[in-house]
């Protein structure tokens, strides 16, 4: 099936007429195999689909957009690039719903690092397409969201955010600053920190899985 993004699929063990979706968005310089490696650990009723970012950096590395590692959180991301990827993923969600027996009202994004930054922007821009967001080791950059995102209806959106307290790539302060911004939009958010660097702690995995199933 040729959709707009190359992707890997793990079908649900229990197939219904419509199944929930977990869409995995990898980090900068990684690929669709990365987060997909824990697909077998995820709840069995979900379609687990891992997308490959569109920008090829050679040698099996891909990016959602260019980043500047020496910049602050406002200049870290190439905004134009990021907004293009935001809409590519939003469109990809529609393609998945059209091509797989997926419940459009039960879609969760799981993003790591750059995938989490993008995940925030997609969820705030298109809350009618995403009901749950798990944002690991990322932060909220409002410039990547659509201009009038504040007018959106967030009543069905929930967020689980997590960060390593000694993250050397994306400082934990950037993640902490995101929480009041989300709360001010009236979106329920659970935020947890783990004593790790830029990676996913086993406990983090356990916590977001429980959050998904609660």
N, C-alpha and C. Protein backbone atom coordinates (compact mmCIF):
# COMPACT_ATOMS: atom_id res chain seq x y z
N UNK A 1 0.86 -1.19 0.00
CA UNK A 1 0.00 0.00 0.00
C UNK A 1 0.89 1.24 0.00
N UNK A 2 0.75 2.09 -1.02
CA UNK A 2 1.66 3.24 -1.06
C UNK A 2 0.95 4.49 -0.54
N UNK A 3 1.21 4.80 0.70
CA UNK A 3 0.67 6.02 1.30
C UNK A 3 1.79 7.07 1.29
N UNK A 4 1.48 8.26 1.78
CA UNK A 4 2.44 9.37 1.62
C UNK A 4 3.69 9.21 2.47
N UNK A 5 3.63 8.39 3.54
CA UNK A 5 4.83 8.13 4.34
C UNK A 5 5.10 6.63 4.38
N UNK A 6 6.37 6.26 4.22
CA UNK A 6 6.76 4.86 4.40
C UNK A 6 6.49 4.49 5.86
N UNK A 7 5.95 3.30 6.10
CA UNK A 7 5.58 2.96 7.48
C UNK A 7 5.61 1.45 7.71
N UNK A 8 5.74 1.08 8.97
CA UNK A 8 5.66 -0.31 9.40
C UNK A 8 4.35 -0.50 10.16
N UNK A 9 3.77 -1.68 10.03
CA UNK A 9 2.46 -1.93 10.64
C UNK A 9 2.50 -3.19 11.49
N UNK A 10 2.02 -3.08 12.73
CA UNK A 10 1.73 -4.27 13.53
C UNK A 10 0.22 -4.30 13.71
N UNK A 11 -0.40 -5.35 13.19
CA UNK A 11 -1.85 -5.43 13.26
C UNK A 11 -2.29 -5.84 14.66
N UNK A 12 -3.51 -5.45 15.05
CA UNK A 12 -3.99 -5.83 16.38
C UNK A 12 -4.22 -7.34 16.48
N UNK A 13 -4.00 -7.88 17.69
CA UNK A 13 -4.27 -9.31 17.93
C UNK A 13 -5.78 -9.55 17.86
N UNK A 14 -6.51 -8.57 18.41
CA UNK A 14 -7.96 -8.69 18.45
C UNK A 14 -8.51 -7.69 17.43
N UNK A 15 -9.01 -8.21 16.30
CA UNK A 15 -9.50 -7.29 15.26
C UNK A 15 -10.99 -7.03 15.45
N UNK A 16 -11.33 -5.76 15.40
CA UNK A 16 -12.74 -5.37 15.46
C UNK A 16 -13.08 -4.71 14.13
N UNK A 17 -14.32 -4.23 14.00
CA UNK A 17 -14.67 -3.47 12.78
C UNK A 17 -13.76 -2.26 12.66
N UNK A 18 -13.53 -1.62 13.80
CA UNK A 18 -12.64 -0.46 13.84
C UNK A 18 -11.73 -0.60 15.06
N UNK A 19 -10.44 -0.48 14.84
CA UNK A 19 -9.50 -0.60 15.95
C UNK A 19 -8.85 0.75 16.25
N UNK A 20 -8.41 0.94 17.50
CA UNK A 20 -7.67 2.16 17.80
C UNK A 20 -6.29 2.14 17.15
N UNK A 21 -5.70 3.32 17.00
CA UNK A 21 -4.40 3.46 16.34
C UNK A 21 -3.38 4.09 17.28
N UNK A 22 -2.18 3.52 17.29
CA UNK A 22 -1.01 4.16 17.89
C UNK A 22 -0.06 4.49 16.75
N UNK A 23 0.15 5.77 16.51
CA UNK A 23 1.05 6.20 15.44
C UNK A 23 2.35 6.68 16.06
N UNK A 24 3.46 6.04 15.69
CA UNK A 24 4.77 6.33 16.28
C UNK A 24 5.56 7.30 15.41
N UNK A 25 6.08 8.36 16.04
CA UNK A 25 6.87 9.38 15.34
C UNK A 25 8.27 9.40 15.95
N UNK A 26 9.25 8.96 15.19
CA UNK A 26 10.62 8.81 15.71
C UNK A 26 11.33 10.17 15.83
N UNK A 27 12.52 10.13 16.41
CA UNK A 27 13.31 11.34 16.61
C UNK A 27 14.20 11.67 15.43
N UNK A 28 14.86 12.80 15.52
CA UNK A 28 15.76 13.31 14.47
C UNK A 28 16.91 12.33 14.23
N UNK A 29 17.15 12.02 12.95
CA UNK A 29 18.28 11.15 12.61
C UNK A 29 18.04 9.68 12.86
N UNK A 30 16.80 9.33 13.16
CA UNK A 30 16.47 7.93 13.42
C UNK A 30 15.63 7.41 12.24
N UNK A 31 14.87 6.34 12.47
CA UNK A 31 13.98 5.86 11.41
C UNK A 31 12.82 5.08 12.03
N UNK A 32 11.96 4.55 11.16
CA UNK A 32 10.72 3.93 11.63
C UNK A 32 10.94 2.65 12.42
N UNK A 33 12.16 2.06 12.35
CA UNK A 33 12.43 0.83 13.11
C UNK A 33 12.59 1.12 14.61
N UNK A 34 12.98 2.35 14.92
CA UNK A 34 13.41 2.70 16.27
C UNK A 34 12.31 2.46 17.30
N UNK A 35 11.23 3.21 17.25
CA UNK A 35 10.16 3.04 18.24
C UNK A 35 9.39 1.74 17.99
N UNK A 36 9.40 1.28 16.73
CA UNK A 36 8.65 0.06 16.38
C UNK A 36 9.20 -1.15 17.12
N UNK A 37 10.46 -1.05 17.59
CA UNK A 37 11.07 -2.18 18.29
C UNK A 37 10.29 -2.55 19.55
N UNK A 38 9.52 -1.62 20.12
CA UNK A 38 8.73 -2.03 21.29
C UNK A 38 7.24 -2.22 20.96
N UNK A 39 6.91 -2.35 19.67
CA UNK A 39 5.51 -2.53 19.26
C UNK A 39 4.86 -3.74 19.92
N UNK A 40 5.63 -4.81 20.09
CA UNK A 40 5.05 -6.04 20.66
C UNK A 40 4.66 -5.86 22.13
N UNK A 41 5.21 -4.83 22.77
CA UNK A 41 4.89 -4.57 24.18
C UNK A 41 3.63 -3.72 24.35
N UNK A 42 3.13 -3.18 23.24
CA UNK A 42 1.99 -2.25 23.34
C UNK A 42 0.68 -3.02 23.38
N UNK A 43 -0.38 -2.39 23.89
CA UNK A 43 -1.66 -3.09 24.04
C UNK A 43 -2.13 -3.74 22.73
N UNK A 44 -2.71 -4.93 22.86
CA UNK A 44 -2.95 -5.79 21.69
C UNK A 44 -4.10 -5.33 20.82
N UNK A 45 -4.97 -4.44 21.34
CA UNK A 45 -6.12 -4.05 20.52
C UNK A 45 -5.79 -2.96 19.50
N UNK A 46 -4.56 -2.44 19.55
CA UNK A 46 -4.19 -1.32 18.68
C UNK A 46 -3.55 -1.75 17.37
N UNK A 47 -3.83 -1.00 16.31
CA UNK A 47 -2.92 -0.95 15.17
C UNK A 47 -1.74 -0.11 15.62
N UNK A 48 -0.54 -0.66 15.51
CA UNK A 48 0.67 0.11 15.84
C UNK A 48 1.37 0.40 14.50
N UNK A 49 1.44 1.67 14.16
CA UNK A 49 2.02 2.06 12.87
C UNK A 49 3.15 3.05 13.12
N UNK A 50 4.31 2.74 12.58
CA UNK A 50 5.48 3.60 12.78
C UNK A 50 5.83 4.25 11.44
N UNK A 51 5.84 5.58 11.42
CA UNK A 51 6.06 6.32 10.17
C UNK A 51 7.53 6.73 10.05
N UNK A 52 8.00 6.75 8.81
CA UNK A 52 9.36 7.25 8.54
C UNK A 52 9.26 8.73 8.14
N UNK A 53 10.07 9.55 8.78
CA UNK A 53 10.07 10.99 8.46
C UNK A 53 10.48 11.21 7.00
N UNK A 54 10.02 12.31 6.39
CA UNK A 54 10.21 12.48 4.94
C UNK A 54 11.59 12.94 4.49
N UNK A 55 12.41 13.51 5.39
CA UNK A 55 13.69 14.06 4.94
C UNK A 55 14.82 13.05 5.17
N UNK A 56 15.43 12.63 4.07
CA UNK A 56 16.46 11.59 4.11
C UNK A 56 17.81 12.22 4.40
N UNK A 57 18.43 11.79 5.51
CA UNK A 57 19.73 12.32 5.90
C UNK A 57 20.86 11.33 5.56
N UNK A 58 20.54 10.30 4.75
CA UNK A 58 21.51 9.28 4.36
C UNK A 58 21.72 8.23 5.46
N UNK A 59 22.15 7.06 5.03
CA UNK A 59 22.53 5.96 5.94
C UNK A 59 21.42 5.58 6.91
N UNK A 60 20.18 5.54 6.43
CA UNK A 60 19.08 5.09 7.29
C UNK A 60 18.63 6.09 8.33
N UNK A 61 19.07 7.35 8.18
CA UNK A 61 18.65 8.41 9.11
C UNK A 61 17.65 9.33 8.43
N UNK A 62 16.62 9.70 9.17
CA UNK A 62 15.58 10.57 8.62
C UNK A 62 15.22 11.65 9.63
N UNK A 63 14.67 12.75 9.12
CA UNK A 63 14.26 13.85 10.00
C UNK A 63 12.91 14.39 9.55
N UNK A 64 12.17 14.91 10.52
CA UNK A 64 10.91 15.58 10.21
C UNK A 64 11.18 17.01 9.74
N UNK A 65 12.28 17.58 10.23
CA UNK A 65 12.70 18.93 9.81
C UNK A 65 14.11 19.17 10.32
N UNK A 66 14.74 20.21 9.78
CA UNK A 66 16.11 20.56 10.20
C UNK A 66 16.08 21.16 11.60
N UNK A 67 17.13 20.88 12.38
CA UNK A 67 17.24 21.53 13.68
C UNK A 67 18.63 22.11 13.88
N UNK A 68 18.67 23.12 14.73
CA UNK A 68 19.93 23.80 15.06
C UNK A 68 20.23 23.49 16.53
N UNK A 69 21.18 22.60 16.75
CA UNK A 69 21.44 22.11 18.12
C UNK A 69 22.02 23.16 19.05
N UNK A 70 22.54 24.25 18.49
CA UNK A 70 23.17 25.28 19.35
C UNK A 70 22.19 26.37 19.76
N UNK A 71 20.93 26.25 19.36
CA UNK A 71 19.98 27.35 19.56
C UNK A 71 19.12 27.11 20.81
N UNK A 72 18.37 28.16 21.19
CA UNK A 72 17.41 28.02 22.28
C UNK A 72 16.15 27.34 21.74
N UNK A 73 15.14 27.17 22.61
CA UNK A 73 13.98 26.38 22.19
C UNK A 73 13.19 27.07 21.08
N UNK A 74 13.32 28.38 20.92
CA UNK A 74 12.57 29.08 19.88
C UNK A 74 13.23 28.97 18.50
N UNK A 75 14.54 28.83 18.48
CA UNK A 75 15.25 28.75 17.19
C UNK A 75 15.72 27.32 16.87
N UNK A 76 15.40 26.39 17.77
CA UNK A 76 15.88 25.01 17.66
C UNK A 76 15.35 24.35 16.38
N UNK A 77 14.11 24.67 16.01
CA UNK A 77 13.44 23.99 14.91
C UNK A 77 13.32 24.89 13.69
N UNK A 78 13.48 24.30 12.50
CA UNK A 78 13.19 25.01 11.26
C UNK A 78 11.66 25.04 11.13
N UNK A 79 11.06 26.20 11.43
CA UNK A 79 9.60 26.28 11.58
C UNK A 79 8.87 25.95 10.28
N UNK A 80 9.35 26.48 9.16
CA UNK A 80 8.68 26.22 7.88
C UNK A 80 8.66 24.74 7.54
N UNK A 81 9.82 24.12 7.68
CA UNK A 81 10.01 22.68 7.49
C UNK A 81 9.07 21.89 8.42
N UNK A 82 9.06 22.31 9.69
CA UNK A 82 8.28 21.59 10.70
C UNK A 82 6.79 21.67 10.41
N UNK A 83 6.34 22.85 9.97
CA UNK A 83 4.92 23.01 9.67
C UNK A 83 4.51 22.13 8.48
N UNK A 84 5.41 22.00 7.50
CA UNK A 84 5.13 21.11 6.37
C UNK A 84 4.96 19.67 6.86
N UNK A 85 5.88 19.22 7.72
CA UNK A 85 5.77 17.85 8.25
C UNK A 85 4.53 17.68 9.12
N UNK A 86 4.17 18.72 9.85
CA UNK A 86 2.93 18.68 10.66
C UNK A 86 1.75 18.30 9.78
N UNK A 87 1.65 18.95 8.61
CA UNK A 87 0.51 18.70 7.73
C UNK A 87 0.64 17.38 6.97
N UNK A 88 1.88 16.97 6.70
CA UNK A 88 2.08 15.65 6.07
C UNK A 88 1.56 14.56 7.00
N UNK A 89 1.87 14.67 8.30
CA UNK A 89 1.42 13.64 9.25
C UNK A 89 -0.10 13.70 9.43
N UNK A 90 -0.65 14.91 9.48
CA UNK A 90 -2.11 15.04 9.63
C UNK A 90 -2.83 14.37 8.46
N UNK A 91 -2.30 14.59 7.27
CA UNK A 91 -2.85 13.96 6.07
C UNK A 91 -2.65 12.43 6.11
N UNK A 92 -1.49 12.01 6.61
CA UNK A 92 -1.18 10.58 6.72
C UNK A 92 -2.18 9.88 7.66
N UNK A 93 -2.58 10.56 8.73
CA UNK A 93 -3.60 9.98 9.64
C UNK A 93 -4.89 9.72 8.86
N UNK A 94 -5.30 10.68 8.02
CA UNK A 94 -6.50 10.49 7.20
C UNK A 94 -6.34 9.29 6.26
N UNK A 95 -5.15 9.16 5.68
CA UNK A 95 -4.88 8.02 4.77
C UNK A 95 -4.98 6.69 5.53
N UNK A 96 -4.44 6.66 6.74
CA UNK A 96 -4.50 5.42 7.52
C UNK A 96 -5.94 5.04 7.84
N UNK A 97 -6.73 6.04 8.22
CA UNK A 97 -8.14 5.78 8.55
C UNK A 97 -8.89 5.27 7.30
N UNK A 98 -8.51 5.79 6.13
CA UNK A 98 -9.16 5.38 4.88
C UNK A 98 -8.73 3.98 4.44
N UNK A 99 -7.51 3.57 4.79
CA UNK A 99 -6.95 2.32 4.25
C UNK A 99 -6.89 1.15 5.22
N UNK A 100 -7.05 1.43 6.51
CA UNK A 100 -7.05 0.37 7.51
C UNK A 100 -8.32 0.50 8.33
N UNK A 101 -8.78 -0.59 8.96
CA UNK A 101 -9.99 -0.50 9.79
C UNK A 101 -9.69 0.19 11.13
N UNK A 102 -9.42 1.50 11.05
CA UNK A 102 -9.02 2.28 12.21
C UNK A 102 -10.16 3.21 12.62
N UNK A 103 -10.37 3.29 13.92
CA UNK A 103 -11.39 4.18 14.48
C UNK A 103 -10.83 5.61 14.52
N UNK A 104 -11.39 6.48 13.71
CA UNK A 104 -10.86 7.86 13.62
C UNK A 104 -11.04 8.63 14.93
N UNK A 105 -11.89 8.10 15.82
CA UNK A 105 -12.11 8.75 17.12
C UNK A 105 -11.25 8.16 18.23
N UNK A 106 -10.28 7.32 17.83
CA UNK A 106 -9.43 6.66 18.83
C UNK A 106 -8.00 6.57 18.31
N UNK A 107 -7.41 7.74 18.12
CA UNK A 107 -6.07 7.84 17.55
C UNK A 107 -5.12 8.42 18.59
N UNK A 108 -4.00 7.73 18.81
CA UNK A 108 -2.98 8.23 19.74
C UNK A 108 -1.67 8.40 18.98
N UNK A 109 -0.97 9.49 19.25
CA UNK A 109 0.37 9.71 18.72
C UNK A 109 1.37 9.43 19.83
N UNK A 110 2.45 8.72 19.49
CA UNK A 110 3.56 8.55 20.42
C UNK A 110 4.79 9.13 19.75
N UNK A 111 5.30 10.23 20.27
CA UNK A 111 6.45 10.87 19.67
C UNK A 111 7.63 10.89 20.62
N UNK A 112 8.83 10.69 20.07
CA UNK A 112 10.05 10.81 20.85
C UNK A 112 10.88 11.95 20.29
N UNK A 113 11.33 12.87 21.16
CA UNK A 113 12.24 13.94 20.78
C UNK A 113 11.63 14.81 19.68
N UNK A 114 12.23 14.84 18.48
CA UNK A 114 11.64 15.65 17.41
C UNK A 114 10.21 15.18 17.09
N UNK A 115 9.98 13.87 17.19
CA UNK A 115 8.63 13.34 16.97
C UNK A 115 7.64 13.84 18.02
N UNK A 116 8.12 14.09 19.24
CA UNK A 116 7.26 14.62 20.30
C UNK A 116 6.95 16.10 20.06
N UNK A 117 7.96 16.87 19.63
CA UNK A 117 7.74 18.30 19.33
C UNK A 117 6.70 18.41 18.22
N UNK A 118 6.85 17.58 17.20
CA UNK A 118 5.90 17.56 16.10
C UNK A 118 4.53 17.07 16.57
N UNK A 119 4.53 16.07 17.44
CA UNK A 119 3.28 15.53 17.98
C UNK A 119 2.44 16.59 18.68
N UNK A 120 3.10 17.41 19.50
CA UNK A 120 2.40 18.52 20.16
C UNK A 120 1.72 19.41 19.12
N UNK A 121 2.47 19.77 18.07
CA UNK A 121 1.94 20.69 17.06
C UNK A 121 0.75 20.08 16.31
N UNK A 122 0.84 18.77 16.02
CA UNK A 122 -0.25 18.09 15.31
C UNK A 122 -1.49 18.02 16.20
N UNK A 123 -1.30 17.65 17.46
CA UNK A 123 -2.44 17.50 18.38
C UNK A 123 -3.15 18.84 18.62
N UNK A 124 -2.38 19.91 18.77
CA UNK A 124 -3.00 21.22 19.00
C UNK A 124 -3.63 21.78 17.73
N UNK A 125 -3.05 21.45 16.57
CA UNK A 125 -3.56 21.96 15.30
C UNK A 125 -4.80 21.19 14.83
N UNK A 126 -4.80 19.88 15.08
CA UNK A 126 -5.86 19.01 14.55
C UNK A 126 -6.40 18.08 15.64
N UNK A 127 -6.97 18.66 16.73
CA UNK A 127 -7.43 17.80 17.82
C UNK A 127 -8.59 16.90 17.41
N UNK A 128 -9.21 17.20 16.27
CA UNK A 128 -10.28 16.31 15.78
C UNK A 128 -9.68 15.01 15.21
N UNK A 129 -8.37 14.99 14.94
CA UNK A 129 -7.72 13.80 14.37
C UNK A 129 -6.95 13.00 15.41
N UNK A 130 -6.63 13.63 16.55
CA UNK A 130 -5.77 13.00 17.56
C UNK A 130 -6.45 13.15 18.92
N UNK A 131 -6.71 12.03 19.56
CA UNK A 131 -7.37 12.10 20.87
C UNK A 131 -6.38 12.02 22.04
N UNK A 132 -5.23 11.36 21.78
CA UNK A 132 -4.24 11.23 22.85
C UNK A 132 -2.84 11.44 22.28
N UNK A 133 -2.01 12.11 23.07
CA UNK A 133 -0.62 12.33 22.68
C UNK A 133 0.29 11.87 23.80
N UNK A 134 1.30 11.08 23.44
CA UNK A 134 2.38 10.73 24.37
C UNK A 134 3.63 11.40 23.83
N UNK A 135 4.11 12.40 24.57
CA UNK A 135 5.25 13.21 24.10
C UNK A 135 6.44 12.94 25.01
N UNK A 136 7.40 12.16 24.51
CA UNK A 136 8.57 11.80 25.32
C UNK A 136 9.78 12.60 24.87
N UNK A 137 10.45 13.23 25.82
CA UNK A 137 11.71 13.94 25.56
C UNK A 137 11.56 15.02 24.49
N UNK A 138 10.41 15.71 24.53
CA UNK A 138 10.18 16.82 23.60
C UNK A 138 9.66 18.02 24.36
N UNK A 139 9.09 18.96 23.65
CA UNK A 139 8.50 20.14 24.30
C UNK A 139 7.56 20.79 23.31
N UNK A 140 6.79 21.75 23.80
CA UNK A 140 5.79 22.43 22.98
C UNK A 140 6.39 23.68 22.35
N UNK A 141 6.39 23.74 21.03
CA UNK A 141 6.77 24.97 20.31
C UNK A 141 5.52 25.44 19.58
N UNK A 142 4.89 26.50 20.11
CA UNK A 142 3.60 26.94 19.58
C UNK A 142 3.71 27.45 18.14
N UNK A 143 4.90 27.84 17.72
CA UNK A 143 5.07 28.35 16.35
C UNK A 143 4.83 27.28 15.29
N UNK A 144 4.95 26.01 15.69
CA UNK A 144 4.76 24.93 14.71
C UNK A 144 3.27 24.62 14.55
N UNK A 145 2.46 25.02 15.52
CA UNK A 145 1.00 24.80 15.42
C UNK A 145 0.40 25.76 14.40
N UNK A 146 -0.81 25.44 13.92
CA UNK A 146 -1.51 26.36 13.02
C UNK A 146 -1.76 27.68 13.76
N UNK A 147 -1.89 28.76 12.98
CA UNK A 147 -1.97 30.10 13.58
C UNK A 147 -3.12 30.26 14.57
N UNK A 148 -4.28 29.69 14.23
CA UNK A 148 -5.47 29.94 15.08
C UNK A 148 -5.81 28.73 15.95
N UNK A 149 -4.75 27.99 16.37
CA UNK A 149 -5.01 26.74 17.12
C UNK A 149 -5.82 26.98 18.39
N UNK A 150 -5.72 28.19 18.98
CA UNK A 150 -6.42 28.45 20.25
C UNK A 150 -7.94 28.36 20.10
N UNK A 151 -8.43 28.47 18.86
CA UNK A 151 -9.89 28.38 18.62
C UNK A 151 -10.37 26.93 18.54
N UNK A 152 -9.45 25.98 18.57
CA UNK A 152 -9.84 24.57 18.42
C UNK A 152 -10.55 24.04 19.66
N UNK A 153 -11.30 22.98 19.45
CA UNK A 153 -12.00 22.29 20.54
C UNK A 153 -11.08 21.17 21.05
N UNK A 154 -10.59 21.35 22.27
CA UNK A 154 -9.65 20.36 22.84
C UNK A 154 -10.33 19.41 23.81
N UNK A 155 -11.67 19.36 23.77
CA UNK A 155 -12.39 18.62 24.81
C UNK A 155 -12.12 17.11 24.78
N UNK A 156 -11.64 16.59 23.65
CA UNK A 156 -11.38 15.14 23.59
C UNK A 156 -9.89 14.81 23.64
N UNK A 157 -9.05 15.82 23.86
CA UNK A 157 -7.60 15.60 23.83
C UNK A 157 -7.02 15.41 25.23
N UNK A 158 -6.13 14.41 25.35
CA UNK A 158 -5.40 14.19 26.61
C UNK A 158 -3.93 13.99 26.27
N UNK A 159 -3.04 14.43 27.18
CA UNK A 159 -1.60 14.35 26.90
C UNK A 159 -0.85 13.71 28.06
N UNK A 160 0.09 12.84 27.71
CA UNK A 160 1.06 12.30 28.66
C UNK A 160 2.43 12.78 28.18
N UNK A 161 3.14 13.53 29.01
CA UNK A 161 4.46 14.03 28.63
C UNK A 161 5.49 13.52 29.63
N UNK A 162 6.69 13.24 29.11
CA UNK A 162 7.75 12.76 30.00
C UNK A 162 9.10 13.26 29.50
N UNK A 163 10.05 13.29 30.42
CA UNK A 163 11.38 13.79 30.07
C UNK A 163 12.43 13.19 31.01
N UNK A 164 13.63 13.07 30.49
CA UNK A 164 14.75 12.68 31.35
C UNK A 164 15.28 13.91 32.08
N UNK A 165 15.47 13.78 33.38
CA UNK A 165 15.89 14.96 34.17
C UNK A 165 17.32 15.39 33.87
N UNK A 166 18.11 14.51 33.22
CA UNK A 166 19.48 14.88 32.84
C UNK A 166 19.65 14.81 31.32
N UNK A 167 18.59 15.18 30.60
CA UNK A 167 18.63 15.18 29.13
C UNK A 167 19.64 16.21 28.64
N UNK A 168 20.62 15.76 27.85
CA UNK A 168 21.68 16.65 27.37
C UNK A 168 21.38 17.19 25.97
N UNK A 169 20.30 16.73 25.33
CA UNK A 169 19.94 17.20 23.98
C UNK A 169 18.84 18.26 24.05
N UNK A 170 17.76 17.92 24.73
CA UNK A 170 16.64 18.86 24.92
C UNK A 170 16.51 19.08 26.43
N UNK A 171 16.92 20.27 26.92
CA UNK A 171 16.92 20.50 28.37
C UNK A 171 15.54 20.29 29.00
N UNK A 172 15.54 19.72 30.18
CA UNK A 172 14.29 19.40 30.86
C UNK A 172 13.47 20.67 31.13
N UNK A 173 14.14 21.82 31.26
CA UNK A 173 13.41 23.09 31.48
C UNK A 173 12.44 23.37 30.34
N UNK A 174 12.85 23.03 29.12
CA UNK A 174 11.96 23.29 27.97
C UNK A 174 10.67 22.50 28.10
N UNK A 175 10.80 21.25 28.57
CA UNK A 175 9.62 20.40 28.76
C UNK A 175 8.75 20.96 29.89
N UNK A 176 9.40 21.37 30.99
CA UNK A 176 8.64 21.88 32.14
C UNK A 176 7.82 23.12 31.78
N UNK A 177 8.40 23.97 30.94
CA UNK A 177 7.70 25.20 30.52
C UNK A 177 6.45 24.90 29.72
N UNK A 178 6.43 23.73 29.07
CA UNK A 178 5.29 23.37 28.21
C UNK A 178 4.03 23.08 29.01
N UNK A 179 4.21 22.61 30.25
CA UNK A 179 3.07 22.08 31.01
C UNK A 179 2.01 23.15 31.28
N UNK A 180 2.39 24.33 31.84
CA UNK A 180 1.36 25.36 32.07
C UNK A 180 0.71 25.84 30.77
N UNK A 181 1.46 25.84 29.67
CA UNK A 181 0.86 26.25 28.39
C UNK A 181 -0.27 25.31 27.99
N UNK A 182 -0.05 24.00 28.19
CA UNK A 182 -1.07 22.99 27.89
C UNK A 182 -2.25 23.13 28.85
N UNK A 183 -1.94 23.29 30.14
CA UNK A 183 -3.00 23.40 31.15
C UNK A 183 -3.88 24.63 30.90
N UNK A 184 -3.25 25.71 30.45
CA UNK A 184 -4.01 26.94 30.17
C UNK A 184 -5.00 26.77 29.02
N UNK A 185 -4.75 25.77 28.16
CA UNK A 185 -5.69 25.48 27.07
C UNK A 185 -6.81 24.54 27.55
N UNK A 186 -6.74 24.15 28.83
CA UNK A 186 -7.77 23.27 29.39
C UNK A 186 -7.58 21.81 29.01
N UNK A 187 -6.36 21.45 28.57
CA UNK A 187 -6.10 20.06 28.16
C UNK A 187 -5.51 19.29 29.34
N UNK A 188 -6.11 18.15 29.73
CA UNK A 188 -5.53 17.38 30.83
C UNK A 188 -4.16 16.82 30.43
N UNK A 189 -3.16 17.04 31.29
CA UNK A 189 -1.81 16.55 30.99
C UNK A 189 -1.21 15.89 32.23
N UNK A 190 -0.61 14.73 32.02
CA UNK A 190 0.16 14.04 33.06
C UNK A 190 1.62 14.24 32.67
N UNK A 191 2.44 14.72 33.60
CA UNK A 191 3.85 14.96 33.28
C UNK A 191 4.73 14.21 34.27
N UNK A 192 5.71 13.47 33.75
CA UNK A 192 6.62 12.71 34.61
C UNK A 192 8.06 12.90 34.15
N UNK A 193 8.96 12.88 35.14
CA UNK A 193 10.39 12.92 34.83
C UNK A 193 11.07 11.66 35.35
N UNK A 194 12.13 11.26 34.65
CA UNK A 194 12.88 10.06 35.02
C UNK A 194 14.36 10.42 35.07
N UNK A 195 15.14 9.75 35.92
CA UNK A 195 16.56 10.10 36.08
C UNK A 195 17.43 9.56 34.96
N UNK A 196 17.11 9.95 33.71
CA UNK A 196 17.85 9.47 32.54
C UNK A 196 18.20 10.65 31.65
N UNK A 197 18.99 10.39 30.62
CA UNK A 197 19.32 11.39 29.62
C UNK A 197 18.27 11.43 28.53
N UNK A 198 18.73 11.56 27.26
CA UNK A 198 17.82 11.68 26.14
C UNK A 198 17.44 10.28 25.65
N UNK A 199 16.51 9.67 26.36
CA UNK A 199 16.11 8.31 26.02
C UNK A 199 14.86 7.94 26.79
N UNK A 200 14.36 6.75 26.56
CA UNK A 200 13.12 6.31 27.20
C UNK A 200 13.44 5.32 28.31
N UNK A 201 13.19 5.71 29.55
CA UNK A 201 13.42 4.82 30.69
C UNK A 201 12.36 3.70 30.68
N UNK A 202 12.73 2.50 31.14
CA UNK A 202 11.74 1.41 31.21
C UNK A 202 10.48 1.81 31.99
N UNK A 203 10.67 2.55 33.07
CA UNK A 203 9.52 3.00 33.88
C UNK A 203 8.61 3.94 33.08
N UNK A 204 9.23 4.76 32.23
CA UNK A 204 8.48 5.68 31.38
C UNK A 204 7.53 4.90 30.48
N UNK A 205 8.06 3.84 29.90
CA UNK A 205 7.30 2.98 29.02
C UNK A 205 6.11 2.38 29.76
N UNK A 206 6.38 1.85 30.94
CA UNK A 206 5.36 1.25 31.79
C UNK A 206 4.27 2.27 32.14
N UNK A 207 4.70 3.50 32.47
CA UNK A 207 3.75 4.55 32.89
C UNK A 207 2.84 5.00 31.75
N UNK A 208 3.40 5.18 30.57
CA UNK A 208 2.52 5.66 29.50
C UNK A 208 1.58 4.55 29.02
N UNK A 209 2.03 3.30 29.13
CA UNK A 209 1.16 2.18 28.76
C UNK A 209 -0.04 2.12 29.72
N UNK A 210 0.24 2.29 31.00
CA UNK A 210 -0.86 2.31 31.99
C UNK A 210 -1.79 3.49 31.73
N UNK A 211 -1.21 4.63 31.40
CA UNK A 211 -2.00 5.83 31.11
C UNK A 211 -2.91 5.59 29.89
N UNK A 212 -2.37 4.93 28.88
CA UNK A 212 -3.17 4.63 27.68
C UNK A 212 -4.37 3.74 28.01
N UNK A 213 -4.14 2.81 28.93
CA UNK A 213 -5.18 1.82 29.21
C UNK A 213 -6.15 2.25 30.31
N UNK A 214 -5.85 3.41 30.94
CA UNK A 214 -6.72 3.82 32.05
C UNK A 214 -7.96 4.54 31.53
